[in-house]
Amino acid sequence: GFFQALGHDNAKNLLTRSSGDDTVRTRIFDIIRGLDWPAGYSGRALANDFTAEWHGNEEKLAIHLDSQKARFWTAMREGDINTAVVFAGEGIDLIHAIKPAGDIVREISEGAEALLRNPSGFELQ
């Protein structure tokens, strides 16, 4: 069988309503989760209240880490998308609905099969 995305439904629904312009590259979600990536590495996530407060204020976040960790992990459990991280790339504009994985694979397969049967409408770039 196919595996479904494990994210909270609130996060999945937000992904369908957002665009690449709603994302920010930031280290704050790695800091809050205790992940010590080398300098220059960050993750792209949807901007929210948490990024507005802490992105660019990483040193201050480090000072308040204990209280903010509790806030963050509670938000993750409860699906509070104003605080929890929702990782998303700039290609998020292509997501318009939440579908079962099997349906997506079936649509891709049917599209590929249609192109193979009638390649006249398909041009290689």
PDB file of N, CA and C in Angstrom:
ATOM      1  N   GLY A   1       0.812  -1.182   0.000  1.00  0.00           N
ATOM      2  CA  GLY A   1       0.000   0.000   0.000  1.00  0.00           C
ATOM      3  C   GLY A   1       0.853   1.242   0.000  1.00  0.00           C
ATOM      4  N   PHE A   2       0.215   2.367  -0.081  1.00  0.00           N
ATOM      5  CA  PHE A   2       0.875   3.659  -0.092  1.00  0.00           C
ATOM      6  C   PHE A   2       0.798   4.291   1.280  1.00  0.00           C
ATOM      7  N   PHE A   3       1.818   5.050   1.634  1.00  0.00           N
ATOM      8  CA  PHE A   3       1.837   5.758   2.904  1.00  0.00           C
ATOM      9  C   PHE A   3       1.299   7.165   2.716  1.00  0.00           C
ATOM     10  N   GLN A   4       0.503   7.616   3.664  1.00  0.00           N
ATOM     11  CA  GLN A   4      -0.039   8.968   3.621  1.00  0.00           C
ATOM     12  C   GLN A   4       0.890   9.904   4.388  1.00  0.00           C
ATOM     13  N   ALA A   5       0.829  11.194   4.089  1.00  0.00           N
ATOM     14  CA  ALA A   5       1.606  12.187   4.823  1.00  0.00           C
ATOM     15  C   ALA A   5       1.181  12.166   6.284  1.00  0.00           C
ATOM     16  N   LEU A   6       2.144  12.285   7.179  1.00  0.00           N
ATOM     17  CA  LEU A   6       1.867  12.164   8.606  1.00  0.00           C
ATOM     18  C   LEU A   6       1.510  13.487   9.277  1.00  0.00           C
ATOM     19  N   GLY A   7       1.572  14.590   8.566  1.00  0.00           N
ATOM     20  CA  GLY A   7       1.310  15.888   9.163  1.00  0.00           C
ATOM     21  C   GLY A   7      -0.109  16.032   9.684  1.00  0.00           C
ATOM     22  N   HIS A   8      -0.275  16.993  10.582  1.00  0.00           N
ATOM     23  CA  HIS A   8      -1.586  17.304  11.141  1.00  0.00           C
ATOM     24  C   HIS A   8      -2.494  17.841  10.031  1.00  0.00           C
ATOM     25  N   ASP A   9      -3.791  17.547  10.110  1.00  0.00           N
ATOM     26  CA  ASP A   9      -4.737  18.020   9.095  1.00  0.00           C
ATOM     27  C   ASP A   9      -4.710  19.539   8.952  1.00  0.00           C
ATOM     28  N   ASN A  10      -4.489  20.270  10.042  1.00  0.00           N
ATOM     29  CA  ASN A  10      -4.408  21.732   9.956  1.00  0.00           C
ATOM     30  C   ASN A  10      -3.253  22.151   9.047  1.00  0.00           C
ATOM     31  N   ALA A  11      -2.117  21.458   9.170  1.00  0.00           N
ATOM     32  CA  ALA A  11      -0.959  21.761   8.334  1.00  0.00           C
ATOM     33  C   ALA A  11      -1.247  21.420   6.872  1.00  0.00           C
ATOM     34  N   LYS A  12      -1.864  20.272   6.642  1.00  0.00           N
ATOM     35  CA  LYS A  12      -2.183  19.868   5.267  1.00  0.00           C
ATOM     36  C   LYS A  12      -3.120  20.871   4.613  1.00  0.00           C
ATOM     37  N   ASN A  13      -4.135  21.300   5.342  1.00  0.00           N
ATOM     38  CA  ASN A  13      -5.071  22.280   4.787  1.00  0.00           C
ATOM     39  C   ASN A  13      -4.392  23.614   4.512  1.00  0.00           C
ATOM     40  N   LEU A  14      -3.483  24.025   5.396  1.00  0.00           N
ATOM     41  CA  LEU A  14      -2.747  25.270   5.180  1.00  0.00           C
ATOM     42  C   LEU A  14      -1.908  25.187   3.911  1.00  0.00           C
ATOM     43  N   LEU A  15      -1.313  24.037   3.647  1.00  0.00           N
ATOM     44  CA  LEU A  15      -0.503  23.861   2.445  1.00  0.00           C
ATOM     45  C   LEU A  15      -1.311  24.114   1.181  1.00  0.00           C
ATOM     46  N   THR A  16      -2.584  23.731   1.173  1.00  0.00           N
ATOM     47  CA  THR A  16      -3.415  23.927  -0.021  1.00  0.00           C
ATOM     48  C   THR A  16      -3.795  25.388  -0.221  1.00  0.00           C
ATOM     49  N   ARG A  17      -3.710  26.192   0.841  1.00  0.00           N
ATOM     50  CA  ARG A  17      -4.104  27.609   0.756  1.00  0.00           C
ATOM     51  C   ARG A  17      -2.912  28.549   0.634  1.00  0.00           C
ATOM     52  N   SER A  18      -1.698  28.020   0.612  1.00  0.00           N
ATOM     53  CA  SER A  18      -0.502  28.848   0.653  1.00  0.00           C
ATOM     54  C   SER A  18       0.238  28.834  -0.674  1.00  0.00           C
ATOM     55  N   SER A  19       1.199  29.748  -0.793  1.00  0.00           N
ATOM     56  CA  SER A  19       2.022  29.811  -2.001  1.00  0.00           C
ATOM     57  C   SER A  19       3.492  29.922  -1.605  1.00  0.00           C
ATOM     58  N   GLY A  20       4.359  29.816  -2.578  1.00  0.00           N
ATOM     59  CA  GLY A  20       5.788  29.948  -2.330  1.00  0.00           C
ATOM     60  C   GLY A  20       6.142  31.274  -1.682  1.00  0.00           C
ATOM     61  N   ASP A  21       5.359  32.296  -1.961  1.00  0.00           N
ATOM     62  CA  ASP A  21       5.598  33.612  -1.354  1.00  0.00           C
ATOM     63  C   ASP A  21       5.339  33.616   0.144  1.00  0.00           C
ATOM     64  N   ASP A  22       4.661  32.591   0.649  1.00  0.00           N
ATOM     65  CA  ASP A  22       4.350  32.497   2.076  1.00  0.00           C
ATOM     66  C   ASP A  22       5.427  31.749   2.856  1.00  0.00           C
ATOM     67  N   THR A  23       6.526  31.404   2.191  1.00  0.00           N
ATOM     68  CA  THR A  23       7.574  30.622   2.847  1.00  0.00           C
ATOM     69  C   THR A  23       8.762  31.495   3.227  1.00  0.00           C
ATOM     70  N   VAL A  24       9.551  30.972   4.160  1.00  0.00           N
ATOM     71  CA  VAL A  24      10.769  31.658   4.594  1.00  0.00           C
ATOM     72  C   VAL A  24      11.837  30.604   4.886  1.00  0.00           C
ATOM     73  N   ARG A  25      13.078  30.898   4.492  1.00  0.00           N
ATOM     74  CA  ARG A  25      14.204  30.025   4.851  1.00  0.00           C
ATOM     75  C   ARG A  25      14.683  30.491   6.217  1.00  0.00           C
ATOM     76  N   THR A  26      14.720  29.555   7.163  1.00  0.00           N
ATOM     77  CA  THR A  26      15.047  29.927   8.534  1.00  0.00           C
ATOM     78  C   THR A  26      15.716  28.774   9.263  1.00  0.00           C
ATOM     79  N   ARG A  27      16.431  29.117  10.331  1.00  0.00           N
ATOM     80  CA  ARG A  27      17.065  28.111  11.190  1.00  0.00           C
ATOM     81  C   ARG A  27      16.290  27.914  12.489  1.00  0.00           C
ATOM     82  N   ILE A  28      15.286  28.729  12.742  1.00  0.00           N
ATOM     83  CA  ILE A  28      14.646  28.698  14.066  1.00  0.00           C
ATOM     84  C   ILE A  28      13.998  27.361  14.391  1.00  0.00           C
ATOM     85  N   PHE A  29      13.477  26.661  13.384  1.00  0.00           N
ATOM     86  CA  PHE A  29      12.830  25.388  13.677  1.00  0.00           C
ATOM     87  C   PHE A  29      13.855  24.289  13.963  1.00  0.00           C
ATOM     88  N   ASP A  30      15.062  24.429  13.452  1.00  0.00           N
ATOM     89  CA  ASP A  30      16.145  23.517  13.829  1.00  0.00           C
ATOM     90  C   ASP A  30      16.627  23.836  15.237  1.00  0.00           C
ATOM     91  N   ILE A  31      16.750  25.117  15.557  1.00  0.00           N
ATOM     92  CA  ILE A  31      17.192  25.535  16.896  1.00  0.00           C
ATOM     93  C   ILE A  31      16.217  25.019  17.948  1.00  0.00           C
ATOM     94  N   ILE A  32      14.925  25.228  17.727  1.00  0.00           N
ATOM     95  CA  ILE A  32      13.919  24.858  18.717  1.00  0.00           C
ATOM     96  C   ILE A  32      13.832  23.342  18.886  1.00  0.00           C
ATOM     97  N   ARG A  33      14.171  22.591  17.823  1.00  0.00           N
ATOM     98  CA  ARG A  33      14.140  21.129  17.897  1.00  0.00           C
ATOM     99  C   ARG A  33      15.488  20.543  18.321  1.00  0.00           C
ATOM    100  N   GLY A  34      16.466  21.408  18.596  1.00  0.00           N
ATOM    101  CA  GLY A  34      17.768  20.938  19.068  1.00  0.00           C
ATOM    102  C   GLY A  34      18.625  20.315  17.985  1.00  0.00           C
ATOM    103  N   LEU A  35      18.405  20.702  16.740  1.00  0.00           N
ATOM    104  CA  LEU A  35      19.194  20.182  15.621  1.00  0.00           C
ATOM    105  C   LEU A  35      20.292  21.188  15.296  1.00  0.00           C
ATOM    106  N   ASP A  36      21.530  20.774  15.418  1.00  0.00           N
ATOM    107  CA  ASP A  36      22.671  21.675  15.259  1.00  0.00           C
ATOM    108  C   ASP A  36      23.293  21.512  13.875  1.00  0.00           C
ATOM    109  N   TRP A  37      22.630  22.093  12.875  1.00  0.00           N
ATOM    110  CA  TRP A  37      23.154  22.035  11.521  1.00  0.00           C
ATOM    111  C   TRP A  37      24.311  23.017  11.378  1.00  0.00           C
ATOM    112  N   PRO A  38      25.259  22.744  10.480  1.00  0.00           N
ATOM    113  CA  PRO A  38      26.351  23.697  10.235  1.00  0.00           C
ATOM    114  C   PRO A  38      25.805  25.030   9.715  1.00  0.00           C
ATOM    115  N   ALA A  39      26.577  26.084   9.926  1.00  0.00           N
ATOM    116  CA  ALA A  39      26.182  27.420   9.456  1.00  0.00           C
ATOM    117  C   ALA A  39      25.888  27.375   7.963  1.00  0.00           C
ATOM    118  N   GLY A  40      24.894  28.106   7.538  1.00  0.00           N
ATOM    119  CA  GLY A  40      24.527  28.165   6.133  1.00  0.00           C
ATOM    120  C   GLY A  40      23.408  27.227   5.736  1.00  0.00           C
ATOM    121  N   TYR A  41      23.069  26.292   6.608  1.00  0.00           N
ATOM    122  CA  TYR A  41      21.980  25.355   6.310  1.00  0.00           C
ATOM    123  C   TYR A  41      20.725  25.800   7.041  1.00  0.00           C
ATOM    124  N   SER A  42      19.628  25.799   6.313  1.00  0.00           N
ATOM    125  CA  SER A  42      18.348  26.199   6.903  1.00  0.00           C
ATOM    126  C   SER A  42      17.254  25.366   6.255  1.00  0.00           C
ATOM    127  N   GLY A  43      16.029  25.591   6.694  1.00  0.00           N
ATOM    128  CA  GLY A  43      14.894  24.899   6.116  1.00  0.00           C
ATOM    129  C   GLY A  43      13.861  25.906   5.646  1.00  0.00           C
ATOM    130  N   ARG A  44      13.096  25.538   4.645  1.00  0.00           N
ATOM    131  CA  ARG A  44      12.040  26.423   4.155  1.00  0.00           C
ATOM    132  C   ARG A  44      10.719  25.975   4.763  1.00  0.00           C
ATOM    133  N   ALA A  45      10.031  26.920   5.386  1.00  0.00           N
ATOM    134  CA  ALA A  45       8.765  26.631   6.058  1.00  0.00           C
ATOM    135  C   ALA A  45       7.784  27.765   5.787  1.00  0.00           C
ATOM    136  N   LEU A  46       6.514  27.481   6.039  1.00  0.00           N
ATOM    137  CA  LEU A  46       5.516  28.542   5.926  1.00  0.00           C
ATOM    138  C   LEU A  46       5.706  29.542   7.056  1.00  0.00           C
ATOM    139  N   ALA A  47       5.684  30.808   6.709  1.00  0.00           N
ATOM    140  CA  ALA A  47       5.795  31.855   7.713  1.00  0.00           C
ATOM    141  C   ALA A  47       4.555  31.826   8.605  1.00  0.00           C
ATOM    142  N   ASN A  48       4.768  32.076   9.890  1.00  0.00           N
ATOM    143  CA  ASN A  48       3.655  32.108  10.846  1.00  0.00           C
ATOM    144  C   ASN A  48       4.036  33.043  11.999  1.00  0.00           C
ATOM    145  N   ASP A  49       3.253  33.038  13.059  1.00  0.00           N
ATOM    146  CA  ASP A  49       3.538  33.912  14.193  1.00  0.00           C
ATOM    147  C   ASP A  49       4.906  33.610  14.803  1.00  0.00           C
ATOM    148  N   PHE A  50       5.284  32.330  14.834  1.00  0.00           N
ATOM    149  CA  PHE A  50       6.563  31.926  15.422  1.00  0.00           C
ATOM    150  C   PHE A  50       7.734  32.464  14.597  1.00  0.00           C
ATOM    151  N   THR A  51       7.636  32.398  13.271  1.00  0.00           N
ATOM    152  CA  THR A  51       8.712  32.943  12.444  1.00  0.00           C
ATOM    153  C   THR A  51       8.752  34.464  12.550  1.00  0.00           C
ATOM    154  N   ALA A  52       7.592  35.096  12.648  1.00  0.00           N
ATOM    155  CA  ALA A  52       7.569  36.555  12.790  1.00  0.00           C
ATOM    156  C   ALA A  52       8.273  36.990  14.069  1.00  0.00           C
ATOM    157  N   GLU A  53       8.132  36.189  15.119  1.00  0.00           N
ATOM    158  CA  GLU A  53       8.736  36.531  16.403  1.00  0.00           C
ATOM    159  C   GLU A  53      10.222  36.218  16.465  1.00  0.00           C
ATOM    160  N   TRP A  54      10.648  35.086  15.871  1.00  0.00           N
ATOM    161  CA  TRP A  54      12.007  34.605  16.118  1.00  0.00           C
ATOM    162  C   TRP A  54      12.944  34.618  14.922  1.00  0.00           C
ATOM    163  N   HIS A  55      12.451  34.602  13.693  1.00  0.00           N
ATOM    164  CA  HIS A  55      13.349  34.629  12.535  1.00  0.00           C
ATOM    165  C   HIS A  55      14.118  35.953  12.542  1.00  0.00           C
ATOM    166  N   GLY A  56      15.416  35.866  12.527  1.00  0.00           N
ATOM    167  CA  GLY A  56      16.260  37.061  12.647  1.00  0.00           C
ATOM    168  C   GLY A  56      16.623  37.380  14.078  1.00  0.00           C
ATOM    169  N   ASN A  57      15.998  36.692  15.032  1.00  0.00           N
ATOM    170  CA  ASN A  57      16.267  36.869  16.461  1.00  0.00           C
ATOM    171  C   ASN A  57      16.745  35.558  17.082  1.00  0.00           C
ATOM    172  N   GLU A  58      17.570  34.825  16.341  1.00  0.00           N
ATOM    173  CA  GLU A  58      18.002  33.502  16.776  1.00  0.00           C
ATOM    174  C   GLU A  58      18.751  33.540  18.109  1.00  0.00           C
ATOM    175  N   GLU A  59      19.551  34.577  18.346  1.00  0.00           N
ATOM    176  CA  GLU A  59      20.278  34.670  19.623  1.00  0.00           C
ATOM    177  C   GLU A  59      19.306  34.847  20.788  1.00  0.00           C
ATOM    178  N   LYS A  60      18.273  35.633  20.601  1.00  0.00           N
ATOM    179  CA  LYS A  60      17.254  35.816  21.640  1.00  0.00           C
ATOM    180  C   LYS A  60      16.473  34.516  21.861  1.00  0.00           C
ATOM    181  N   LEU A  61      16.195  33.792  20.776  1.00  0.00           N
ATOM    182  CA  LEU A  61      15.514  32.503  20.898  1.00  0.00           C
ATOM    183  C   LEU A  61      16.345  31.553  21.753  1.00  0.00           C
ATOM    184  N   ALA A  62      17.658  31.550  21.564  1.00  0.00           N
ATOM    185  CA  ALA A  62      18.538  30.675  22.351  1.00  0.00           C
ATOM    186  C   ALA A  62      18.433  30.987  23.841  1.00  0.00           C
ATOM    187  N   ILE A  63      18.241  32.250  24.188  1.00  0.00           N
ATOM    188  CA  ILE A  63      18.108  32.658  25.597  1.00  0.00           C
ATOM    189  C   ILE A  63      16.788  32.147  26.179  1.00  0.00           C
ATOM    190  N   HIS A  64      15.739  32.139  25.374  1.00  0.00           N
ATOM    191  CA  HIS A  64      14.396  31.735  25.824  1.00  0.00           C
ATOM    192  C   HIS A  64      14.035  30.325  25.376  1.00  0.00           C
ATOM    193  N   LEU A  65      15.035  29.519  25.090  1.00  0.00           N
ATOM    194  CA  LEU A  65      14.816  28.216  24.490  1.00  0.00           C
ATOM    195  C   LEU A  65      13.902  27.305  25.314  1.00  0.00           C
ATOM    196  N   ASP A  66      14.108  27.244  26.621  1.00  0.00           N
ATOM    197  CA  ASP A  66      13.302  26.326  27.432  1.00  0.00           C
ATOM    198  C   ASP A  66      11.807  26.634  27.350  1.00  0.00           C
ATOM    199  N   SER A  67      11.436  27.888  27.540  1.00  0.00           N
ATOM    200  CA  SER A  67      10.009  28.229  27.504  1.00  0.00           C
ATOM    201  C   SER A  67       9.451  28.100  26.088  1.00  0.00           C
ATOM    202  N   GLN A  68      10.241  28.417  25.093  1.00  0.00           N
ATOM    203  CA  GLN A  68       9.763  28.351  23.718  1.00  0.00           C
ATOM    204  C   GLN A  68       9.662  26.907  23.218  1.00  0.00           C
ATOM    205  N   LYS A  69      10.521  26.027  23.729  1.00  0.00           N
ATOM    206  CA  LYS A  69      10.417  24.609  23.360  1.00  0.00           C
ATOM    207  C   LYS A  69       9.067  24.052  23.793  1.00  0.00           C
ATOM    208  N   ALA A  70       8.660  24.353  25.009  1.00  0.00           N
ATOM    209  CA  ALA A  70       7.365  23.872  25.500  1.00  0.00           C
ATOM    210  C   ALA A  70       6.233  24.398  24.616  1.00  0.00           C
ATOM    211  N   ARG A  71       6.284  25.677  24.284  1.00  0.00           N
ATOM    212  CA  ARG A  71       5.274  26.292  23.417  1.00  0.00           C
ATOM    213  C   ARG A  71       5.253  25.601  22.052  1.00  0.00           C
ATOM    214  N   PHE A  72       6.432  25.396  21.474  1.00  0.00           N
ATOM    215  CA  PHE A  72       6.543  24.792  20.147  1.00  0.00           C
ATOM    216  C   PHE A  72       6.005  23.367  20.127  1.00  0.00           C
ATOM    217  N   TRP A  73       6.440  22.521  21.077  1.00  0.00           N
ATOM    218  CA  TRP A  73       6.032  21.119  21.058  1.00  0.00           C
ATOM    219  C   TRP A  73       4.545  20.953  21.368  1.00  0.00           C
ATOM    220  N   THR A  74       3.992  21.825  22.195  1.00  0.00           N
ATOM    221  CA  THR A  74       2.539  21.810  22.425  1.00  0.00           C
ATOM    222  C   THR A  74       1.813  22.138  21.119  1.00  0.00           C
ATOM    223  N   ALA A  75       2.309  23.143  20.416  1.00  0.00           N
ATOM    224  CA  ALA A  75       1.704  23.529  19.134  1.00  0.00           C
ATOM    225  C   ALA A  75       1.793  22.395  18.116  1.00  0.00           C
ATOM    226  N   MET A  76       2.913  21.694  18.093  1.00  0.00           N
ATOM    227  CA  MET A  76       3.064  20.577  17.160  1.00  0.00           C
ATOM    228  C   MET A  76       2.045  19.484  17.464  1.00  0.00           C
ATOM    229  N   ARG A  77       1.869  19.151  18.734  1.00  0.00           N
ATOM    230  CA  ARG A  77       0.905  18.107  19.123  1.00  0.00           C
ATOM    231  C   ARG A  77      -0.525  18.515  18.790  1.00  0.00           C
ATOM    232  N   GLU A  78      -0.843  19.785  19.001  1.00  0.00           N
ATOM    233  CA  GLU A  78      -2.220  20.261  18.851  1.00  0.00           C
ATOM    234  C   GLU A  78      -2.554  20.764  17.449  1.00  0.00           C
ATOM    235  N   GLY A  79      -1.564  20.803  16.565  1.00  0.00           N
ATOM    236  CA  GLY A  79      -1.814  21.295  15.213  1.00  0.00           C
ATOM    237  C   GLY A  79      -2.006  22.791  15.148  1.00  0.00           C
ATOM    238  N   ASP A  80      -1.359  23.519  16.068  1.00  0.00           N
ATOM    239  CA  ASP A  80      -1.434  24.982  16.085  1.00  0.00           C
ATOM    240  C   ASP A  80      -0.469  25.521  15.033  1.00  0.00           C
ATOM    241  N   ILE A  81      -0.971  25.772  13.835  1.00  0.00           N
ATOM    242  CA  ILE A  81      -0.124  26.175  12.714  1.00  0.00           C
ATOM    243  C   ILE A  81       0.395  27.605  12.832  1.00  0.00           C
ATOM    244  N   ASN A  82      -0.048  28.342  13.835  1.00  0.00           N
ATOM    245  CA  ASN A  82       0.509  29.672  14.072  1.00  0.00           C
ATOM    246  C   ASN A  82       1.866  29.592  14.752  1.00  0.00           C
ATOM    247  N   THR A  83       2.169  28.441  15.359  1.00  0.00           N
ATOM    248  CA  THR A  83       3.444  28.241  16.050  1.00  0.00           C
ATOM    249  C   THR A  83       4.212  27.052  15.491  1.00  0.00           C
ATOM    250  N   ALA A  84       3.534  25.970  15.189  1.00  0.00           N
ATOM    251  CA  ALA A  84       4.188  24.742  14.718  1.00  0.00           C
ATOM    252  C   ALA A  84       4.835  24.964  13.356  1.00  0.00           C
ATOM    253  N   VAL A  85       5.853  24.169  13.078  1.00  0.00           N
ATOM    254  CA  VAL A  85       6.502  24.253  11.768  1.00  0.00           C
ATOM    255  C   VAL A  85       5.691  23.487  10.731  1.00  0.00           C
ATOM    256  N   VAL A  86       5.550  24.109   9.570  1.00  0.00           N
ATOM    257  CA  VAL A  86       4.975  23.445   8.403  1.00  0.00           C
ATOM    258  C   VAL A  86       6.003  23.653   7.293  1.00  0.00           C
ATOM    259  N   PHE A  87       6.864  22.657   7.105  1.00  0.00           N
ATOM    260  CA  PHE A  87       7.888  22.765   6.078  1.00  0.00           C
ATOM    261  C   PHE A  87       7.230  22.737   4.712  1.00  0.00           C
ATOM    262  N   ALA A  88       7.688  23.600   3.813  1.00  0.00           N
ATOM    263  CA  ALA A  88       7.137  23.664   2.461  1.00  0.00           C
ATOM    264  C   ALA A  88       8.138  24.347   1.546  1.00  0.00           C
ATOM    265  N   GLY A  89       8.279  23.818   0.344  1.00  0.00           N
ATOM    266  CA  GLY A  89       9.145  24.430  -0.651  1.00  0.00           C
ATOM    267  C   GLY A  89       8.389  25.448  -1.485  1.00  0.00           C
ATOM    268  N   GLU A  90       9.130  26.105  -2.351  1.00  0.00           N
ATOM    269  CA  GLU A  90       8.514  27.124  -3.195  1.00  0.00           C
ATOM    270  C   GLU A  90       7.565  26.536  -4.229  1.00  0.00           C
ATOM    271  N   GLY A  91       7.624  25.230  -4.449  1.00  0.00           N
ATOM    272  CA  GLY A  91       6.710  24.563  -5.372  1.00  0.00           C
ATOM    273  C   GLY A  91       5.338  24.314  -4.786  1.00  0.00           C
ATOM    274  N   ILE A  92       5.099  24.840  -3.596  1.00  0.00           N
ATOM    275  CA  ILE A  92       3.819  24.649  -2.911  1.00  0.00           C
ATOM    276  C   ILE A  92       2.640  25.151  -3.744  1.00  0.00           C
ATOM    277  N   ASP A  93       2.904  26.056  -4.676  1.00  0.00           N
ATOM    278  CA  ASP A  93       1.835  26.585  -5.533  1.00  0.00           C
ATOM    279  C   ASP A  93       1.140  25.482  -6.331  1.00  0.00           C
ATOM    280  N   LEU A  94       1.787  24.335  -6.470  1.00  0.00           N
ATOM    281  CA  LEU A  94       1.226  23.227  -7.246  1.00  0.00           C
ATOM    282  C   LEU A  94       0.298  22.339  -6.428  1.00  0.00           C
ATOM    283  N   ILE A  95       0.193  22.596  -5.124  1.00  0.00           N
ATOM    284  CA  ILE A  95      -0.666  21.785  -4.263  1.00  0.00           C
ATOM    285  C   ILE A  95      -2.007  22.488  -4.108  1.00  0.00           C
ATOM    286  N   HIS A  96      -3.055  21.824  -4.561  1.00  0.00           N
ATOM    287  CA  HIS A  96      -4.388  22.429  -4.497  1.00  0.00           C
ATOM    288  C   HIS A  96      -5.388  21.594  -3.707  1.00  0.00           C
ATOM    289  N   ALA A  97      -5.015  20.355  -3.398  1.00  0.00           N
ATOM    290  CA  ALA A  97      -5.933  19.474  -2.681  1.00  0.00           C
ATOM    291  C   ALA A  97      -5.131  18.400  -1.954  1.00  0.00           C
ATOM    292  N   ILE A  98      -5.727  17.862  -0.922  1.00  0.00           N
ATOM    293  CA  ILE A  98      -5.141  16.740  -0.191  1.00  0.00           C
ATOM    294  C   ILE A  98      -5.824  15.475  -0.711  1.00  0.00           C
ATOM    295  N   LYS A  99      -5.036  14.594  -1.294  1.00  0.00           N
ATOM    296  CA  LYS A  99      -5.575  13.370  -1.884  1.00  0.00           C
ATOM    297  C   LYS A  99      -4.847  12.169  -1.295  1.00  0.00           C
ATOM    298  N   PRO A 100      -5.503  11.011  -1.273  1.00  0.00           N
ATOM    299  CA  PRO A 100      -4.810   9.785  -0.858  1.00  0.00           C
ATOM    300  C   PRO A 100      -3.657   9.485  -1.818  1.00  0.00           C
ATOM    301  N   ALA A 101      -2.574   8.956  -1.277  1.00  0.00           N
ATOM    302  CA  ALA A 101      -1.386   8.669  -2.077  1.00  0.00           C
ATOM    303  C   ALA A 101      -1.707   7.771  -3.271  1.00  0.00           C
ATOM    304  N   GLY A 102      -2.561   6.775  -3.064  1.00  0.00           N
ATOM    305  CA  GLY A 102      -2.925   5.874  -4.153  1.00  0.00           C
ATOM    306  C   GLY A 102      -3.569   6.599  -5.320  1.00  0.00           C
ATOM    307  N   ASP A 103      -4.420   7.602  -5.015  1.00  0.00           N
ATOM    308  CA  ASP A 103      -5.058   8.384  -6.074  1.00  0.00           C
ATOM    309  C   ASP A 103      -4.032   9.184  -6.866  1.00  0.00           C
ATOM    310  N   ILE A 104      -3.065   9.742  -6.184  1.00  0.00           N
ATOM    311  CA  ILE A 104      -2.031  10.538  -6.850  1.00  0.00           C
ATOM    312  C   ILE A 104      -1.197   9.659  -7.775  1.00  0.00           C
ATOM    313  N   VAL A 105      -0.774   8.507  -7.283  1.00  0.00           N
ATOM    314  CA  VAL A 105       0.018   7.591  -8.107  1.00  0.00           C
ATOM    315  C   VAL A 105      -0.792   7.136  -9.319  1.00  0.00           C
ATOM    316  N   ARG A 106      -2.068   6.848  -9.112  1.00  0.00           N
ATOM    317  CA  ARG A 106      -2.943   6.423 -10.215  1.00  0.00           C
ATOM    318  C   ARG A 106      -3.054   7.541 -11.262  1.00  0.00           C
ATOM    319  N   GLU A 107      -3.237   8.797 -10.838  1.00  0.00           N
ATOM    320  CA  GLU A 107      -3.339   9.919 -11.783  1.00  0.00           C
ATOM    321  C   GLU A 107      -2.044  10.090 -12.570  1.00  0.00           C
ATOM    322  N   ILE A 108      -0.910   9.970 -11.905  1.00  0.00           N
ATOM    323  CA  ILE A 108       0.377  10.088 -12.603  1.00  0.00           C
ATOM    324  C   ILE A 108       0.530   8.965 -13.621  1.00  0.00           C
ATOM    325  N   SER A 109       0.190   7.750 -13.211  1.00  0.00           N
ATOM    326  CA  SER A 109       0.300   6.596 -14.115  1.00  0.00           C
ATOM    327  C   SER A 109      -0.609   6.754 -15.326  1.00  0.00           C
ATOM    328  N   GLU A 110      -1.840   7.188 -15.098  1.00  0.00           N
ATOM    329  CA  GLU A 110      -2.784   7.368 -16.203  1.00  0.00           C
ATOM    330  C   GLU A 110      -2.304   8.470 -17.148  1.00  0.00           C
ATOM    331  N   GLY A 111      -1.751   9.542 -16.595  1.00  0.00           N
ATOM    332  CA  GLY A 111      -1.220  10.622 -17.430  1.00  0.00           C
ATOM    333  C   GLY A 111      -0.035  10.166 -18.261  1.00  0.00           C
ATOM    334  N   ALA A 112       0.862   9.401 -17.635  1.00  0.00           N
ATOM    335  CA  ALA A 112       2.024   8.872 -18.366  1.00  0.00           C
ATOM    336  C   ALA A 112       1.568   7.924 -19.471  1.00  0.00           C
ATOM    337  N   GLU A 113       0.602   7.069 -19.167  1.00  0.00           N
ATOM    338  CA  GLU A 113       0.095   6.128 -20.159  1.00  0.00           C
ATOM    339  C   GLU A 113      -0.538   6.867 -21.334  1.00  0.00           C
ATOM    340  N   ALA A 114      -1.303   7.936 -21.045  1.00  0.00           N
ATOM    341  CA  ALA A 114      -1.932   8.722 -22.106  1.00  0.00           C
ATOM    342  C   ALA A 114      -0.870   9.363 -23.001  1.00  0.00           C
ATOM    343  N   LEU A 115       0.208   9.853 -22.420  1.00  0.00           N
ATOM    344  CA  LEU A 115       1.282  10.446 -23.214  1.00  0.00           C
ATOM    345  C   LEU A 115       1.994   9.400 -24.071  1.00  0.00           C
ATOM    346  N   LEU A 116       2.172   8.209 -23.522  1.00  0.00           N
ATOM    347  CA  LEU A 116       2.832   7.158 -24.281  1.00  0.00           C
ATOM    348  C   LEU A 116       1.967   6.690 -25.456  1.00  0.00           C
ATOM    349  N   ARG A 117       0.661   6.709 -25.276  1.00  0.00           N
ATOM    350  CA  ARG A 117      -0.256   6.293 -26.347  1.00  0.00           C
ATOM    351  C   ARG A 117      -0.380   7.365 -27.436  1.00  0.00           C
ATOM    352  N   ASN A 118      -0.276   8.645 -27.026  1.00  0.00           N
ATOM    353  CA  ASN A 118      -0.411   9.745 -27.972  1.00  0.00           C
ATOM    354  C   ASN A 118       0.637  10.819 -27.676  1.00  0.00           C
ATOM    355  N   PRO A 119       1.882  10.587 -28.082  1.00  0.00           N
ATOM    356  CA  PRO A 119       2.951  11.518 -27.739  1.00  0.00           C
ATOM    357  C   PRO A 119       2.936  12.811 -28.553  1.00  0.00           C
ATOM    358  N   SER A 120       2.007  12.976 -29.482  1.00  0.00           N
ATOM    359  CA  SER A 120       2.010  14.167 -30.330  1.00  0.00           C
ATOM    360  C   SER A 120       1.823  15.460 -29.542  1.00  0.00           C
ATOM    361  N   GLY A 121       1.158  15.380 -28.395  1.00  0.00           N
ATOM    362  CA  GLY A 121       0.937  16.577 -27.589  1.00  0.00           C
ATOM    363  C   GLY A 121       2.037  16.836 -26.587  1.00  0.00           C
ATOM    364  N   PHE A 122       3.108  16.059 -26.668  1.00  0.00           N
ATOM    365  CA  PHE A 122       4.188  16.143 -25.682  1.00  0.00           C
ATOM    366  C   PHE A 122       5.493  16.484 -26.389  1.00  0.00           C
ATOM    367  N   GLU A 123       6.153  17.552 -25.965  1.00  0.00           N
ATOM    368  CA  GLU A 123       7.421  17.944 -26.561  1.00  0.00           C
ATOM    369  C   GLU A 123       8.502  17.919 -25.499  1.00  0.00           C
ATOM    370  N   LEU A 124       9.647  17.353 -25.836  1.00  0.00           N
ATOM    371  CA  LEU A 124      10.786  17.373 -24.910  1.00  0.00           C
ATOM    372  C   LEU A 124      11.419  18.752 -24.950  1.00  0.00           C
ATOM    373  N   GLN A 125      11.786  19.235 -23.801  1.00  0.00           N
ATOM    374  CA  GLN A 125      12.423  20.559 -23.711  1.00  0.00           C
ATOM    375  C   GLN A 125      13.921  20.419 -23.788  1.00  0.00           C
TER     376      GLN A 125
END
